[in-house]
Amino acid sequence: MHARLVRSVATLVVATAGTLTWAPAVSAQPSEPPPSASAAAETPAPDAGSVEITTKDTAGDALPGAVFLLLDSAGQEAGRGTTDAQGKLTFSDLAPGVYRLKETASGSPLHEVVSDQDVIVTPGATTRLTITDPFKAAKVLLQAKDDETGKLLPGATMNIGTGTSTLLTLTTGAMGTASAELPISSWRAQFWVKEIKAPAGYDLYKPTKTFTAASGEPVTVTVTNAKTATTPPPTEKPTGNPTEKPTAKPTERPSGKPSRSQHGEGLDVQAPSASGTQTADKTASSTTAPVPAGLLAHTGADTTPWLIGGAAALIATGGGALVVARRRRTDNSTYDGTTQS
């Protein structure tokens, strides 16, 4: 092209001037690519990476059918796939960088999906991830009831757990029930419930009760409480008054009173000595205290002087009668003797 241009220019010069004039011709040379383009062509492209996923449940079994979505740093979809029978899925030919992995389905009605997570892809390497899908929680309904009437009771607090671990602490509300999601590590498991606070007016349910729950299924747990026993009030009120009143009259007659014989001719009276009587009187007067009201009256001490006086009078009278009788007998015997002579 350049040669044709040179020839055209030379011909135009000759035709115009009418004379032949030599003009140097411009030689054509091949063009070279820009330095930047050549440098870019010589730089090798970075190696791609990959992500390999293995999906299992908490029991260690593989989960086929789990669906995952991979997004790049701009939020654009970089890959989508489903785990195979061994629970595996691979995303290949990924440019190095940070990706976002989403599980959209677990592939099982018993399992939950995991939360989103970031994945770093490095050049020429495979990033391996193990995804563990948890079992769906069991839905537990807790009830506290009266053991006799079946009435639902509010205010019962209970712990629910497995082994030595407590998983939930629930308190029955105004309707006597409480509900929550119970974490479960297998499709079916056994749990225990223990009451730690009884409803008002009821005894604590002391035994530990066990029950079985399945993944994603509802279960009802019922604990019964017995009413607290109350002590009945006494039927009779105690009084401070005594049931029997003491009597002031002596139950026995004093032994010192003299007794008359059937024939009336003599008395068997034993008079106490004067010294003994004085001693008794002094002792009684010095030691005897006033008798308080309501107690038995003192017997015997106040009648002693009268008994002594009566006994002395009877003795004197009996002695006089005896003397008169003897004199009469003497006179009669003398009179009889005189008459007979």
C-alpha atoms as a PDB file:
ATOM      1  CA  MET A   1       0.000   0.000   0.000  1.00  0.00           C
ATOM      2  CA  HIS A   2       2.824   2.342   0.867  1.00  0.00           C
ATOM      3  CA  ALA A   3       4.596   1.549  -2.458  1.00  0.00           C
ATOM      4  CA  ARG A   4       1.507   2.443  -4.456  1.00  0.00           C
ATOM      5  CA  LEU A   5       1.206   5.694  -2.591  1.00  0.00           C
ATOM      6  CA  VAL A   6       4.830   6.585  -3.381  1.00  0.00           C
ATOM      7  CA  ARG A   7       4.407   5.813  -7.071  1.00  0.00           C
ATOM      8  CA  SER A   8       1.259   7.916  -7.291  1.00  0.00           C
ATOM      9  CA  VAL A   9       2.986  10.843  -5.683  1.00  0.00           C
ATOM     10  CA  ALA A  10       5.981  10.590  -8.120  1.00  0.00           C
ATOM     11  CA  THR A  11       3.705  10.404 -11.138  1.00  0.00           C
ATOM     12  CA  LEU A  12       1.768  13.385  -9.916  1.00  0.00           C
ATOM     13  CA  VAL A  13       4.997  15.378  -9.574  1.00  0.00           C
ATOM     14  CA  VAL A  14       6.160  14.485 -13.124  1.00  0.00           C
ATOM     15  CA  ALA A  15       2.839  15.323 -14.686  1.00  0.00           C
ATOM     16  CA  THR A  16       2.615  18.623 -12.950  1.00  0.00           C
ATOM     17  CA  ALA A  17       6.160  19.897 -13.546  1.00  0.00           C
ATOM     18  CA  GLY A  18       6.662  18.393 -17.017  1.00  0.00           C
ATOM     19  CA  THR A  19      10.092  17.329 -16.110  1.00  0.00           C
ATOM     20  CA  LEU A  20      11.359  14.193 -14.494  1.00  0.00           C
ATOM     21  CA  THR A  21      12.431  14.803 -11.031  1.00  0.00           C
ATOM     22  CA  TRP A  22      13.665  12.066  -8.704  1.00  0.00           C
ATOM     23  CA  ALA A  23      12.028  11.820  -5.324  1.00  0.00           C
ATOM     24  CA  PRO A  24      13.027   9.379  -2.644  1.00  0.00           C
ATOM     25  CA  ALA A  25      10.470   6.662  -2.099  1.00  0.00           C
ATOM     26  CA  VAL A  26       9.207   5.708   1.373  1.00  0.00           C
ATOM     27  CA  SER A  27       9.920   2.080   2.145  1.00  0.00           C
ATOM     28  CA  ALA A  28       7.138   0.026   3.777  1.00  0.00           C
ATOM     29  CA  GLN A  29       7.995  -1.788   7.100  1.00  0.00           C
ATOM     30  CA  PRO A  30       5.868  -4.190   9.110  1.00  0.00           C
ATOM     31  CA  SER A  31       4.164  -2.623  12.185  1.00  0.00           C
ATOM     32  CA  GLU A  32       4.947  -3.928  15.746  1.00  0.00           C
ATOM     33  CA  PRO A  33       2.295  -4.573  18.422  1.00  0.00           C
ATOM     34  CA  PRO A  34       2.090  -2.246  21.415  1.00  0.00           C
ATOM     35  CA  PRO A  35       4.357  -3.214  24.332  1.00  0.00           C
ATOM     36  CA  SER A  36       1.388  -3.560  26.694  1.00  0.00           C
ATOM     37  CA  ALA A  37      -0.375  -6.028  24.454  1.00  0.00           C
ATOM     38  CA  SER A  38       2.715  -8.195  24.078  1.00  0.00           C
ATOM     39  CA  ALA A  39       3.324  -8.187  27.844  1.00  0.00           C
ATOM     40  CA  ALA A  40      -0.268  -9.268  28.506  1.00  0.00           C
ATOM     41  CA  ALA A  41       0.014 -12.083  25.993  1.00  0.00           C
ATOM     42  CA  GLU A  42       3.183 -13.381  27.639  1.00  0.00           C
ATOM     43  CA  THR A  43       1.637 -13.419  31.296  1.00  0.00           C
ATOM     44  CA  PRO A  44       0.067 -16.865  32.034  1.00  0.00           C
ATOM     45  CA  ALA A  45      -3.581 -16.996  33.272  1.00  0.00           C
ATOM     46  CA  PRO A  46      -4.063 -17.956  37.002  1.00  0.00           C
ATOM     47  CA  ASP A  47      -4.997 -21.590  37.811  1.00  0.00           C
ATOM     48  CA  ALA A  48      -8.650 -22.298  38.732  1.00  0.00           C
ATOM     49  CA  GLY A  49      -9.723 -23.898  42.012  1.00  0.00           C
ATOM     50  CA  SER A  50     -12.629 -26.071  43.185  1.00  0.00           C
ATOM     51  CA  VAL A  51     -14.880 -26.735  46.159  1.00  0.00           C
ATOM     52  CA  GLU A  52     -15.823 -30.259  47.315  1.00  0.00           C
ATOM     53  CA  ILE A  53     -18.757 -30.693  49.762  1.00  0.00           C
ATOM     54  CA  THR A  54     -19.615 -33.739  51.915  1.00  0.00           C
ATOM     55  CA  THR A  55     -22.984 -33.645  53.705  1.00  0.00           C
ATOM     56  CA  LYS A  56     -23.824 -35.723  56.842  1.00  0.00           C
ATOM     57  CA  ASP A  57     -26.204 -35.665  59.792  1.00  0.00           C
ATOM     58  CA  THR A  58     -25.327 -35.588  63.493  1.00  0.00           C
ATOM     59  CA  ALA A  59     -25.378 -39.390  63.589  1.00  0.00           C
ATOM     60  CA  GLY A  60     -22.667 -39.538  60.880  1.00  0.00           C
ATOM     61  CA  ASP A  61     -24.888 -40.805  58.036  1.00  0.00           C
ATOM     62  CA  ALA A  62     -24.525 -39.350  54.512  1.00  0.00           C
ATOM     63  CA  LEU A  63     -27.287 -37.066  53.281  1.00  0.00           C
ATOM     64  CA  PRO A  64     -28.081 -37.389  49.570  1.00  0.00           C
ATOM     65  CA  GLY A  65     -30.303 -34.855  47.869  1.00  0.00           C
ATOM     66  CA  ALA A  66     -29.019 -31.764  49.686  1.00  0.00           C
ATOM     67  CA  VAL A  67     -29.101 -28.698  47.400  1.00  0.00           C
ATOM     68  CA  PHE A  68     -26.356 -25.997  47.529  1.00  0.00           C
ATOM     69  CA  LEU A  69     -25.895 -22.624  45.835  1.00  0.00           C
ATOM     70  CA  LEU A  70     -22.516 -20.926  45.373  1.00  0.00           C
ATOM     71  CA  LEU A  71     -22.291 -17.132  44.951  1.00  0.00           C
ATOM     72  CA  ASP A  72     -19.206 -15.091  44.038  1.00  0.00           C
ATOM     73  CA  SER A  73     -18.048 -11.920  45.772  1.00  0.00           C
ATOM     74  CA  ALA A  74     -20.374  -9.824  43.590  1.00  0.00           C
ATOM     75  CA  GLY A  75     -23.387 -11.925  44.621  1.00  0.00           C
ATOM     76  CA  GLN A  76     -23.664 -13.637  41.253  1.00  0.00           C
ATOM     77  CA  GLU A  77     -24.379 -17.331  41.001  1.00  0.00           C
ATOM     78  CA  ALA A  78     -21.187 -19.273  40.414  1.00  0.00           C
ATOM     79  CA  GLY A  79     -22.604 -22.758  40.747  1.00  0.00           C
ATOM     80  CA  ARG A  80     -25.557 -24.898  41.885  1.00  0.00           C
ATOM     81  CA  GLY A  81     -25.794 -28.616  42.597  1.00  0.00           C
ATOM     82  CA  THR A  82     -27.223 -31.572  44.590  1.00  0.00           C
ATOM     83  CA  THR A  83     -25.319 -34.114  46.682  1.00  0.00           C
ATOM     84  CA  ASP A  84     -25.103 -37.671  45.352  1.00  0.00           C
ATOM     85  CA  ALA A  85     -25.796 -40.963  47.147  1.00  0.00           C
ATOM     86  CA  GLN A  86     -22.616 -40.520  49.209  1.00  0.00           C
ATOM     87  CA  GLY A  87     -23.607 -36.984  50.134  1.00  0.00           C
ATOM     88  CA  LYS A  88     -20.907 -35.380  47.915  1.00  0.00           C
ATOM     89  CA  LEU A  89     -20.967 -32.368  45.556  1.00  0.00           C
ATOM     90  CA  THR A  90     -18.072 -30.607  43.689  1.00  0.00           C
ATOM     91  CA  PHE A  91     -17.895 -27.122  42.163  1.00  0.00           C
ATOM     92  CA  SER A  92     -15.029 -26.971  39.599  1.00  0.00           C
ATOM     93  CA  ASP A  93     -13.219 -24.264  37.525  1.00  0.00           C
ATOM     94  CA  LEU A  94     -13.646 -21.542  40.066  1.00  0.00           C
ATOM     95  CA  ALA A  95     -11.546 -18.408  39.925  1.00  0.00           C
ATOM     96  CA  PRO A  96      -9.631 -17.797  43.158  1.00  0.00           C
ATOM     97  CA  GLY A  97     -11.501 -15.636  45.658  1.00  0.00           C
ATOM     98  CA  VAL A  98     -14.123 -15.650  48.399  1.00  0.00           C
ATOM     99  CA  TYR A  99     -17.505 -17.293  47.740  1.00  0.00           C
ATOM    100  CA  ARG A 100     -20.734 -17.615  49.688  1.00  0.00           C
ATOM    101  CA  LEU A 101     -22.187 -21.125  50.144  1.00  0.00           C
ATOM    102  CA  LYS A 102     -25.940 -21.541  50.769  1.00  0.00           C
ATOM    103  CA  GLU A 103     -27.813 -24.764  51.526  1.00  0.00           C
ATOM    104  CA  THR A 104     -31.324 -24.395  50.148  1.00  0.00           C
ATOM    105  CA  ALA A 105     -32.614 -27.906  50.991  1.00  0.00           C
ATOM    106  CA  SER A 106     -31.432 -30.771  53.228  1.00  0.00           C
ATOM    107  CA  GLY A 107     -33.029 -33.484  51.097  1.00  0.00           C
ATOM    108  CA  SER A 108     -34.636 -35.042  54.241  1.00  0.00           C
ATOM    109  CA  PRO A 109     -37.836 -34.213  56.186  1.00  0.00           C
ATOM    110  CA  LEU A 110     -36.000 -34.950  59.444  1.00  0.00           C
ATOM    111  CA  HIS A 111     -33.113 -32.525  58.968  1.00  0.00           C
ATOM    112  CA  GLU A 112     -32.600 -28.769  59.033  1.00  0.00           C
ATOM    113  CA  VAL A 113     -30.341 -26.781  56.670  1.00  0.00           C
ATOM    114  CA  VAL A 114     -27.217 -25.082  58.003  1.00  0.00           C
ATOM    115  CA  SER A 115     -26.502 -21.374  58.042  1.00  0.00           C
ATOM    116  CA  ASP A 116     -24.683 -19.675  55.135  1.00  0.00           C
ATOM    117  CA  GLN A 117     -20.896 -19.645  55.245  1.00  0.00           C
ATOM    118  CA  ASP A 118     -17.939 -18.184  53.342  1.00  0.00           C
ATOM    119  CA  VAL A 119     -15.618 -20.368  51.238  1.00  0.00           C
ATOM    120  CA  ILE A 120     -12.132 -19.350  50.090  1.00  0.00           C
ATOM    121  CA  VAL A 121     -10.963 -20.751  46.757  1.00  0.00           C
ATOM    122  CA  THR A 122      -7.182 -20.816  46.227  1.00  0.00           C
ATOM    123  CA  PRO A 123      -5.420 -21.222  42.848  1.00  0.00           C
ATOM    124  CA  GLY A 124      -4.972 -24.829  41.767  1.00  0.00           C
ATOM    125  CA  ALA A 125      -6.356 -26.267  45.038  1.00  0.00           C
ATOM    126  CA  THR A 126      -9.518 -28.010  46.165  1.00  0.00           C
ATOM    127  CA  THR A 127     -11.303 -26.639  49.216  1.00  0.00           C
ATOM    128  CA  ARG A 128     -13.064 -29.472  51.087  1.00  0.00           C
ATOM    129  CA  LEU A 129     -16.014 -28.827  53.381  1.00  0.00           C
ATOM    130  CA  THR A 130     -18.039 -31.155  55.617  1.00  0.00           C
ATOM    131  CA  ILE A 131     -21.581 -29.958  56.188  1.00  0.00           C
ATOM    132  CA  THR A 132     -23.482 -31.463  59.156  1.00  0.00           C
ATOM    133  CA  ASP A 133     -27.242 -31.010  58.997  1.00  0.00           C
ATOM    134  CA  PRO A 134     -28.932 -31.179  62.426  1.00  0.00           C
ATOM    135  CA  PHE A 135     -32.107 -33.132  63.098  1.00  0.00           C
ATOM    136  CA  LYS A 136     -35.258 -31.088  63.393  1.00  0.00           C
ATOM    137  CA  ALA A 137     -36.168 -30.316  66.998  1.00  0.00           C
ATOM    138  CA  ALA A 138     -39.031 -32.120  68.688  1.00  0.00           C
ATOM    139  CA  LYS A 139     -41.943 -29.947  69.822  1.00  0.00           C
ATOM    140  CA  VAL A 140     -42.537 -30.621  73.517  1.00  0.00           C
ATOM    141  CA  LEU A 141     -45.696 -29.626  75.424  1.00  0.00           C
ATOM    142  CA  LEU A 142     -45.318 -29.688  79.218  1.00  0.00           C
ATOM    143  CA  GLN A 143     -48.306 -30.004  81.572  1.00  0.00           C
ATOM    144  CA  ALA A 144     -48.743 -30.020  85.370  1.00  0.00           C
ATOM    145  CA  LYS A 145     -51.974 -31.526  86.737  1.00  0.00           C
ATOM    146  CA  ASP A 146     -53.725 -32.203  90.043  1.00  0.00           C
ATOM    147  CA  ASP A 147     -53.360 -35.941  90.675  1.00  0.00           C
ATOM    148  CA  GLU A 148     -57.006 -36.286  91.728  1.00  0.00           C
ATOM    149  CA  THR A 149     -59.040 -33.808  89.674  1.00  0.00           C
ATOM    150  CA  GLY A 150     -56.779 -33.490  86.602  1.00  0.00           C
ATOM    151  CA  LYS A 151     -56.893 -29.695  86.837  1.00  0.00           C
ATOM    152  CA  LEU A 152     -54.010 -27.947  85.053  1.00  0.00           C
ATOM    153  CA  LEU A 153     -51.703 -26.204  87.529  1.00  0.00           C
ATOM    154  CA  PRO A 154     -49.688 -23.015  86.881  1.00  0.00           C
ATOM    155  CA  GLY A 155     -46.322 -22.290  88.484  1.00  0.00           C
ATOM    156  CA  ALA A 156     -44.636 -25.705  88.108  1.00  0.00           C
ATOM    157  CA  THR A 157     -40.969 -25.429  87.079  1.00  0.00           C
ATOM    158  CA  MET A 158     -39.229 -28.419  85.460  1.00  0.00           C
ATOM    159  CA  ASN A 159     -35.906 -29.300  83.866  1.00  0.00           C
ATOM    160  CA  ILE A 160     -35.743 -31.426  80.696  1.00  0.00           C
ATOM    161  CA  GLY A 161     -32.522 -33.066  79.565  1.00  0.00           C
ATOM    162  CA  THR A 162     -30.667 -36.154  78.453  1.00  0.00           C
ATOM    163  CA  GLY A 163     -27.879 -37.982  80.250  1.00  0.00           C
ATOM    164  CA  THR A 164     -26.249 -35.468  82.603  1.00  0.00           C
ATOM    165  CA  SER A 165     -27.118 -32.401  80.495  1.00  0.00           C
ATOM    166  CA  THR A 166     -30.092 -30.103  81.089  1.00  0.00           C
ATOM    167  CA  LEU A 167     -31.472 -28.853  77.766  1.00  0.00           C
ATOM    168  CA  LEU A 168     -34.582 -26.888  78.804  1.00  0.00           C
ATOM    169  CA  THR A 169     -36.058 -25.258  81.923  1.00  0.00           C
ATOM    170  CA  LEU A 170     -39.794 -24.590  81.604  1.00  0.00           C
ATOM    171  CA  THR A 171     -42.447 -23.121  83.931  1.00  0.00           C
ATOM    172  CA  THR A 172     -46.146 -23.716  83.352  1.00  0.00           C
ATOM    173  CA  GLY A 173     -48.113 -20.536  82.734  1.00  0.00           C
ATOM    174  CA  ALA A 174     -51.612 -19.442  83.681  1.00  0.00           C
ATOM    175  CA  MET A 175     -53.123 -22.253  81.604  1.00  0.00           C
ATOM    176  CA  GLY A 176     -50.940 -24.856  83.330  1.00  0.00           C
ATOM    177  CA  THR A 177     -48.835 -25.596  80.214  1.00  0.00           C
ATOM    178  CA  ALA A 178     -45.473 -24.663  78.661  1.00  0.00           C
ATOM    179  CA  SER A 179     -44.035 -25.457  75.207  1.00  0.00           C
ATOM    180  CA  ALA A 180     -40.642 -25.278  73.504  1.00  0.00           C
ATOM    181  CA  GLU A 181     -38.471 -26.888  70.819  1.00  0.00           C
ATOM    182  CA  LEU A 182     -36.387 -29.725  72.207  1.00  0.00           C
ATOM    183  CA  PRO A 183     -33.001 -30.244  70.482  1.00  0.00           C
ATOM    184  CA  ILE A 184     -32.497 -33.835  69.359  1.00  0.00           C
ATOM    185  CA  SER A 185     -29.331 -35.588  68.144  1.00  0.00           C
ATOM    186  CA  SER A 186     -30.996 -38.551  66.410  1.00  0.00           C
ATOM    187  CA  TRP A 187     -34.295 -39.247  64.722  1.00  0.00           C
ATOM    188  CA  ARG A 188     -35.607 -40.662  68.026  1.00  0.00           C
ATOM    189  CA  ALA A 189     -34.147 -40.190  71.528  1.00  0.00           C
ATOM    190  CA  GLN A 190     -35.013 -40.582  75.217  1.00  0.00           C
ATOM    191  CA  PHE A 191     -35.178 -37.667  77.652  1.00  0.00           C
ATOM    192  CA  TRP A 192     -35.935 -37.082  81.335  1.00  0.00           C
ATOM    193  CA  VAL A 193     -38.026 -34.467  83.150  1.00  0.00           C
ATOM    194  CA  LYS A 194     -37.500 -33.370  86.772  1.00  0.00           C
ATOM    195  CA  GLU A 195     -39.736 -30.990  88.721  1.00  0.00           C
ATOM    196  CA  ILE A 196     -37.695 -28.474  90.715  1.00  0.00           C
ATOM    197  CA  LYS A 197     -40.538 -26.225  91.931  1.00  0.00           C
ATOM    198  CA  ALA A 198     -44.089 -27.356  92.757  1.00  0.00           C
ATOM    199  CA  PRO A 199     -47.229 -25.294  92.174  1.00  0.00           C
ATOM    200  CA  ALA A 200     -48.504 -23.300  95.142  1.00  0.00           C
ATOM    201  CA  GLY A 201     -50.333 -25.519  97.622  1.00  0.00           C
ATOM    202  CA  TYR A 202     -48.948 -28.765  96.180  1.00  0.00           C
ATOM    203  CA  ASP A 203     -46.139 -31.161  97.056  1.00  0.00           C
ATOM    204  CA  LEU A 204     -43.091 -31.513  94.799  1.00  0.00           C
ATOM    205  CA  TYR A 205     -43.187 -34.388  92.315  1.00  0.00           C
ATOM    206  CA  LYS A 206     -39.943 -36.071  93.354  1.00  0.00           C
ATOM    207  CA  PRO A 207     -39.504 -38.992  90.877  1.00  0.00           C
ATOM    208  CA  THR A 208     -37.625 -38.414  87.617  1.00  0.00           C
ATOM    209  CA  LYS A 209     -39.894 -39.157  84.663  1.00  0.00           C
ATOM    210  CA  THR A 210     -38.607 -40.327  81.239  1.00  0.00           C
ATOM    211  CA  PHE A 211     -40.151 -39.942  77.780  1.00  0.00           C
ATOM    212  CA  THR A 212     -39.250 -40.481  74.104  1.00  0.00           C
ATOM    213  CA  ALA A 213     -39.272 -37.775  71.419  1.00  0.00           C
ATOM    214  CA  ALA A 214     -38.827 -38.004  67.626  1.00  0.00           C
ATOM    215  CA  SER A 215     -37.324 -35.498  65.193  1.00  0.00           C
ATOM    216  CA  GLY A 216     -39.838 -32.921  64.022  1.00  0.00           C
ATOM    217  CA  GLU A 217     -42.750 -34.503  65.908  1.00  0.00           C
ATOM    218  CA  PRO A 218     -44.807 -33.153  68.845  1.00  0.00           C
ATOM    219  CA  VAL A 219     -44.691 -34.845  72.259  1.00  0.00           C
ATOM    220  CA  THR A 220     -46.707 -34.139  75.434  1.00  0.00           C
ATOM    221  CA  VAL A 221     -45.200 -34.617  78.901  1.00  0.00           C
ATOM    222  CA  THR A 222     -47.477 -34.563  81.981  1.00  0.00           C
ATOM    223  CA  VAL A 223     -46.450 -34.405  85.646  1.00  0.00           C
ATOM    224  CA  THR A 224     -49.030 -34.823  88.442  1.00  0.00           C
ATOM    225  CA  ASN A 225     -48.895 -33.117  91.835  1.00  0.00           C
ATOM    226  CA  ALA A 226     -50.631 -33.984  95.111  1.00  0.00           C
ATOM    227  CA  LYS A 227     -52.084 -31.325  97.359  1.00  0.00           C
ATOM    228  CA  THR A 228     -50.115 -30.467 100.466  1.00  0.00           C
ATOM    229  CA  ALA A 229     -51.690 -32.119 103.522  1.00  0.00           C
ATOM    230  CA  THR A 230     -53.073 -29.672 106.093  1.00  0.00           C
ATOM    231  CA  THR A 231     -53.518 -30.313 109.846  1.00  0.00           C
ATOM    232  CA  PRO A 232     -57.229 -30.095 110.853  1.00  0.00           C
ATOM    233  CA  PRO A 233     -58.091 -27.684 113.709  1.00  0.00           C
ATOM    234  CA  PRO A 234     -58.746 -29.247 117.159  1.00  0.00           C
ATOM    235  CA  THR A 235     -62.395 -30.176 117.821  1.00  0.00           C
ATOM    236  CA  GLU A 236     -62.322 -29.080 121.510  1.00  0.00           C
ATOM    237  CA  LYS A 237     -60.668 -25.996 122.864  1.00  0.00           C
ATOM    238  CA  PRO A 238     -58.606 -26.499 126.020  1.00  0.00           C
ATOM    239  CA  THR A 239     -59.781 -24.526 129.049  1.00  0.00           C
ATOM    240  CA  GLY A 240     -57.879 -23.400 132.105  1.00  0.00           C
ATOM    241  CA  ASN A 241     -60.637 -24.389 134.524  1.00  0.00           C
ATOM    242  CA  PRO A 242     -60.259 -27.747 136.354  1.00  0.00           C
ATOM    243  CA  THR A 243     -62.819 -30.402 135.520  1.00  0.00           C
ATOM    244  CA  GLU A 244     -63.397 -31.291 139.209  1.00  0.00           C
ATOM    245  CA  LYS A 245     -63.752 -28.893 142.081  1.00  0.00           C
ATOM    246  CA  PRO A 246     -61.906 -29.733 145.329  1.00  0.00           C
ATOM    247  CA  THR A 247     -64.127 -30.275 148.343  1.00  0.00           C
ATOM    248  CA  ALA A 248     -63.500 -28.504 151.644  1.00  0.00           C
ATOM    249  CA  LYS A 249     -65.063 -31.262 153.726  1.00  0.00           C
ATOM    250  CA  PRO A 250     -62.745 -33.951 155.085  1.00  0.00           C
ATOM    251  CA  THR A 251     -63.347 -37.422 153.730  1.00  0.00           C
ATOM    252  CA  GLU A 252     -62.526 -39.145 157.022  1.00  0.00           C
ATOM    253  CA  ARG A 253     -63.585 -38.396 160.573  1.00  0.00           C
ATOM    254  CA  PRO A 254     -60.844 -37.541 163.026  1.00  0.00           C
ATOM    255  CA  SER A 255     -59.552 -40.552 164.882  1.00  0.00           C
ATOM    256  CA  GLY A 256     -59.227 -38.757 168.232  1.00  0.00           C
ATOM    257  CA  LYS A 257     -62.988 -38.444 168.910  1.00  0.00           C
ATOM    258  CA  PRO A 258     -64.040 -40.621 171.899  1.00  0.00           C
ATOM    259  CA  SER A 259     -66.602 -43.371 171.484  1.00  0.00           C
ATOM    260  CA  ARG A 260     -69.157 -44.489 174.061  1.00  0.00           C
ATOM    261  CA  SER A 261     -69.603 -48.195 174.886  1.00  0.00           C
ATOM    262  CA  GLN A 262     -72.914 -49.871 174.233  1.00  0.00           C
ATOM    263  CA  HIS A 263     -73.802 -50.162 178.014  1.00  0.00           C
ATOM    264  CA  GLY A 264     -72.767 -46.579 178.831  1.00  0.00           C
ATOM    265  CA  GLU A 265     -70.861 -47.660 181.930  1.00  0.00           C
ATOM    266  CA  GLY A 266     -67.352 -46.765 180.876  1.00  0.00           C
ATOM    267  CA  LEU A 267     -65.264 -44.879 178.328  1.00  0.00           C
ATOM    268  CA  ASP A 268     -62.166 -46.078 176.521  1.00  0.00           C
ATOM    269  CA  VAL A 269     -60.416 -42.755 176.006  1.00  0.00           C
ATOM    270  CA  GLN A 270     -56.691 -42.261 175.785  1.00  0.00           C
ATOM    271  CA  ALA A 271     -55.829 -38.758 176.739  1.00  0.00           C
ATOM    272  CA  PRO A 272     -52.625 -37.376 175.299  1.00  0.00           C
ATOM    273  CA  SER A 273     -50.046 -36.037 177.678  1.00  0.00           C
ATOM    274  CA  ALA A 274     -49.868 -32.385 178.367  1.00  0.00           C
ATOM    275  CA  SER A 275     -46.346 -32.127 177.078  1.00  0.00           C
ATOM    276  CA  GLY A 276     -47.293 -33.778 173.839  1.00  0.00           C
ATOM    277  CA  THR A 277     -50.301 -31.536 173.403  1.00  0.00           C
ATOM    278  CA  GLN A 278     -48.339 -28.368 173.920  1.00  0.00           C
ATOM    279  CA  THR A 279     -45.693 -29.508 171.492  1.00  0.00           C
ATOM    280  CA  ALA A 280     -48.313 -30.294 168.902  1.00  0.00           C
ATOM    281  CA  ASP A 281     -50.022 -26.927 169.402  1.00  0.00           C
ATOM    282  CA  LYS A 282     -46.760 -25.009 169.144  1.00  0.00           C
ATOM    283  CA  THR A 283     -45.733 -26.910 166.066  1.00  0.00           C
ATOM    284  CA  ALA A 284     -49.107 -26.403 164.435  1.00  0.00           C
ATOM    285  CA  SER A 285     -49.157 -22.693 165.228  1.00  0.00           C
ATOM    286  CA  SER A 286     -45.605 -22.115 164.053  1.00  0.00           C
ATOM    287  CA  THR A 287     -45.604 -24.230 160.893  1.00  0.00           C
ATOM    288  CA  THR A 288     -49.183 -24.149 159.663  1.00  0.00           C
ATOM    289  CA  ALA A 289     -49.656 -21.603 156.872  1.00  0.00           C
ATOM    290  CA  PRO A 290     -53.000 -20.071 155.880  1.00  0.00           C
ATOM    291  CA  VAL A 291     -54.937 -22.407 153.674  1.00  0.00           C
ATOM    292  CA  PRO A 292     -55.239 -20.922 150.128  1.00  0.00           C
ATOM    293  CA  ALA A 293     -58.647 -20.815 148.502  1.00  0.00           C
ATOM    294  CA  GLY A 294     -59.520 -23.774 146.325  1.00  0.00           C
ATOM    295  CA  LEU A 295     -57.343 -26.273 148.256  1.00  0.00           C
ATOM    296  CA  LEU A 296     -58.421 -28.944 150.743  1.00  0.00           C
ATOM    297  CA  ALA A 297     -59.077 -27.595 154.210  1.00  0.00           C
ATOM    298  CA  HIS A 298     -56.703 -28.553 156.991  1.00  0.00           C
ATOM    299  CA  THR A 299     -58.320 -31.260 159.148  1.00  0.00           C
ATOM    300  CA  GLY A 300     -57.599 -32.329 162.729  1.00  0.00           C
ATOM    301  CA  ALA A 301     -55.397 -29.470 163.926  1.00  0.00           C
ATOM    302  CA  ASP A 302     -58.182 -27.036 164.838  1.00  0.00           C
ATOM    303  CA  THR A 303     -60.329 -29.650 166.779  1.00  0.00           C
ATOM    304  CA  THR A 304     -57.553 -30.971 169.032  1.00  0.00           C
ATOM    305  CA  PRO A 305     -58.226 -28.612 172.015  1.00  0.00           C
ATOM    306  CA  TRP A 306     -61.924 -29.424 171.955  1.00  0.00           C
ATOM    307  CA  LEU A 307     -61.242 -33.136 171.876  1.00  0.00           C
ATOM    308  CA  ILE A 308     -58.839 -32.885 174.798  1.00  0.00           C
ATOM    309  CA  GLY A 309     -61.316 -30.878 176.874  1.00  0.00           C
ATOM    310  CA  GLY A 310     -64.169 -33.277 176.118  1.00  0.00           C
ATOM    311  CA  ALA A 311     -62.066 -36.272 177.037  1.00  0.00           C
ATOM    312  CA  ALA A 312     -61.072 -34.755 180.382  1.00  0.00           C
ATOM    313  CA  ALA A 313     -64.696 -34.002 181.221  1.00  0.00           C
ATOM    314  CA  LEU A 314     -65.788 -37.508 180.406  1.00  0.00           C
ATOM    315  CA  ILE A 315     -62.998 -38.979 182.537  1.00  0.00           C
ATOM    316  CA  ALA A 316     -63.980 -36.846 185.518  1.00  0.00           C
ATOM    317  CA  THR A 317     -67.624 -37.726 185.169  1.00  0.00           C
ATOM    318  CA  GLY A 318     -66.898 -41.407 184.871  1.00  0.00           C
ATOM    319  CA  GLY A 319     -64.605 -41.318 187.910  1.00  0.00           C
ATOM    320  CA  GLY A 320     -67.287 -39.601 190.041  1.00  0.00           C
ATOM    321  CA  ALA A 321     -69.906 -42.098 188.978  1.00  0.00           C
ATOM    322  CA  LEU A 322     -67.616 -44.972 189.925  1.00  0.00           C
ATOM    323  CA  VAL A 323     -66.999 -43.572 193.429  1.00  0.00           C
ATOM    324  CA  VAL A 324     -70.732 -43.127 194.031  1.00  0.00           C
ATOM    325  CA  ALA A 325     -71.450 -46.654 192.896  1.00  0.00           C
ATOM    326  CA  ARG A 326     -68.833 -48.106 195.244  1.00  0.00           C
ATOM    327  CA  ARG A 327     -70.223 -46.172 198.208  1.00  0.00           C
ATOM    328  CA  ARG A 328     -73.700 -47.414 197.467  1.00  0.00           C
ATOM    329  CA  ARG A 329     -72.437 -50.991 197.415  1.00  0.00           C
ATOM    330  CA  THR A 330     -70.646 -50.501 200.746  1.00  0.00           C
ATOM    331  CA  ASP A 331     -73.701 -48.985 202.384  1.00  0.00           C
ATOM    332  CA  ASN A 332     -75.959 -51.734 201.150  1.00  0.00           C
ATOM    333  CA  SER A 333     -73.639 -54.460 202.419  1.00  0.00           C
ATOM    334  CA  THR A 334     -73.382 -52.821 205.878  1.00  0.00           C
ATOM    335  CA  TYR A 335     -77.146 -52.380 206.094  1.00  0.00           C
ATOM    336  CA  ASP A 336     -77.789 -55.940 205.187  1.00  0.00           C
ATOM    337  CA  GLY A 337     -75.383 -57.217 207.796  1.00  0.00           C
ATOM    338  CA  THR A 338     -76.859 -55.183 210.622  1.00  0.00           C
ATOM    339  CA  THR A 339     -80.370 -56.332 209.922  1.00  0.00           C
ATOM    340  CA  GLN A 340     -79.451 -59.971 209.854  1.00  0.00           C
ATOM    341  CA  SER A 341     -77.763 -59.835 213.255  1.00  0.00           C
END
